[in-house]
C-alpha atoms as a PDB file:
ATOM      1  CA  UNK A   1       0.096  -0.139  -0.262  1.00  0.00           C
ATOM      2  CA  UNK A   2       1.148   3.790  -0.450  1.00  0.00           C
ATOM      3  CA  UNK A   3       2.467   5.241   2.380  1.00  0.00           C
ATOM      4  CA  UNK A   4       0.933   8.591   2.145  1.00  0.00           C
ATOM      5  CA  UNK A   5      -2.271   6.986   1.511  1.00  0.00           C
ATOM      6  CA  UNK A   6      -1.971   5.277   4.762  1.00  0.00           C
ATOM      7  CA  UNK A   7      -0.792   8.518   6.237  1.00  0.00           C
ATOM      8  CA  UNK A   8      -3.539  10.422   4.750  1.00  0.00           C
ATOM      9  CA  UNK A   9      -5.881   7.829   6.702  1.00  0.00           C
ATOM     10  CA  UNK A  10      -4.614   8.389   9.499  1.00  0.00           C
ATOM     11  CA  UNK A  11      -4.857  12.401   9.137  1.00  0.00           C
ATOM     12  CA  UNK A  12      -7.981  11.443   7.908  1.00  0.00           C
ATOM     13  CA  UNK A  13      -8.931   9.773  11.437  1.00  0.00           C
ATOM     14  CA  UNK A  14      -9.386   6.271   9.467  1.00  0.00           C
ATOM     15  CA  UNK A  15      -6.794   4.872  11.116  1.00  0.00           C
ATOM     16  CA  UNK A  16      -4.865   4.984  14.739  1.00  0.00           C
ATOM     17  CA  UNK A  17      -1.189   6.110  15.025  1.00  0.00           C
ATOM     18  CA  UNK A  18      -0.334   2.741  15.858  1.00  0.00           C
ATOM     19  CA  UNK A  19      -2.362   0.899  13.212  1.00  0.00           C
ATOM     20  CA  UNK A  20      -0.481   3.733  10.456  1.00  0.00           C
ATOM     21  CA  UNK A  21       2.697   2.349  12.012  1.00  0.00           C
ATOM     22  CA  UNK A  22       1.915  -1.161  11.956  1.00  0.00           C
ATOM     23  CA  UNK A  23       0.554  -1.081   8.331  1.00  0.00           C
ATOM     24  CA  UNK A  24       3.991   0.526   7.437  1.00  0.00           C
ATOM     25  CA  UNK A  25       5.808  -1.357   9.335  1.00  0.00           C
ATOM     26  CA  UNK A  26       7.786   1.186  11.014  1.00  0.00           C
ATOM     27  CA  UNK A  27       8.252   1.917  14.321  1.00  0.00           C
ATOM     28  CA  UNK A  28       7.089   5.191  16.582  1.00  0.00           C
ATOM     29  CA  UNK A  29      10.723   7.611  15.680  1.00  0.00           C
ATOM     30  CA  UNK A  30      10.273   5.999  11.992  1.00  0.00           C
ATOM     31  CA  UNK A  31       6.823   6.835  11.769  1.00  0.00           C
ATOM     32  CA  UNK A  32       6.953  10.443  13.394  1.00  0.00           C
ATOM     33  CA  UNK A  33       9.603  11.150  10.637  1.00  0.00           C
ATOM     34  CA  UNK A  34       7.630  10.201   7.904  1.00  0.00           C
ATOM     35  CA  UNK A  35       4.651  12.431   9.185  1.00  0.00           C
ATOM     36  CA  UNK A  36       6.668  15.362   9.320  1.00  0.00           C
ATOM     37  CA  UNK A  37       8.068  14.494   5.712  1.00  0.00           C
ATOM     38  CA  UNK A  38       4.733  14.349   4.219  1.00  0.00           C
ATOM     39  CA  UNK A  39       3.690  17.577   5.581  1.00  0.00           C
ATOM     40  CA  UNK A  40       6.167  18.808   4.345  1.00  0.00           C
ATOM     41  CA  UNK A  41       5.973  17.736   1.283  1.00  0.00           C
ATOM     42  CA  UNK A  42       1.746  18.903   1.089  1.00  0.00           C
ATOM     43  CA  UNK A  43       3.264  22.177   1.693  1.00  0.00           C
ATOM     44  CA  UNK A  44       5.947  22.501  -1.637  1.00  0.00           C
ATOM     45  CA  UNK A  45       6.730  23.603  -3.343  1.00  0.00           C
ATOM     46  CA  UNK A  46       6.113  27.214  -2.577  1.00  0.00           C
ATOM     47  CA  UNK A  47       3.416  29.268  -3.946  1.00  0.00           C
ATOM     48  CA  UNK A  48       5.361  31.381  -6.873  1.00  0.00           C
ATOM     49  CA  UNK A  49       5.422  35.357  -6.513  1.00  0.00           C
ATOM     50  CA  UNK A  50       5.277  36.944 -10.347  1.00  0.00           C
ATOM     51  CA  UNK A  51       8.788  39.184 -11.188  1.00  0.00           C
ATOM     52  CA  UNK A  52       8.922  42.601 -10.503  1.00  0.00           C
ATOM     53  CA  UNK A  53       5.894  42.795  -8.122  1.00  0.00           C
END
């Protein structure tokens, strides 16, 4: 299963953080890092600003 889909299911409340970790096969610290990475991916790329304004 795609890790981003599992993380999205966790964020929407469909599964618990423990279930999320079990599905992905990672421990708590790894899961926290994955959640942070996914959050950072969603905030990038930054909004482009027109040049000269």
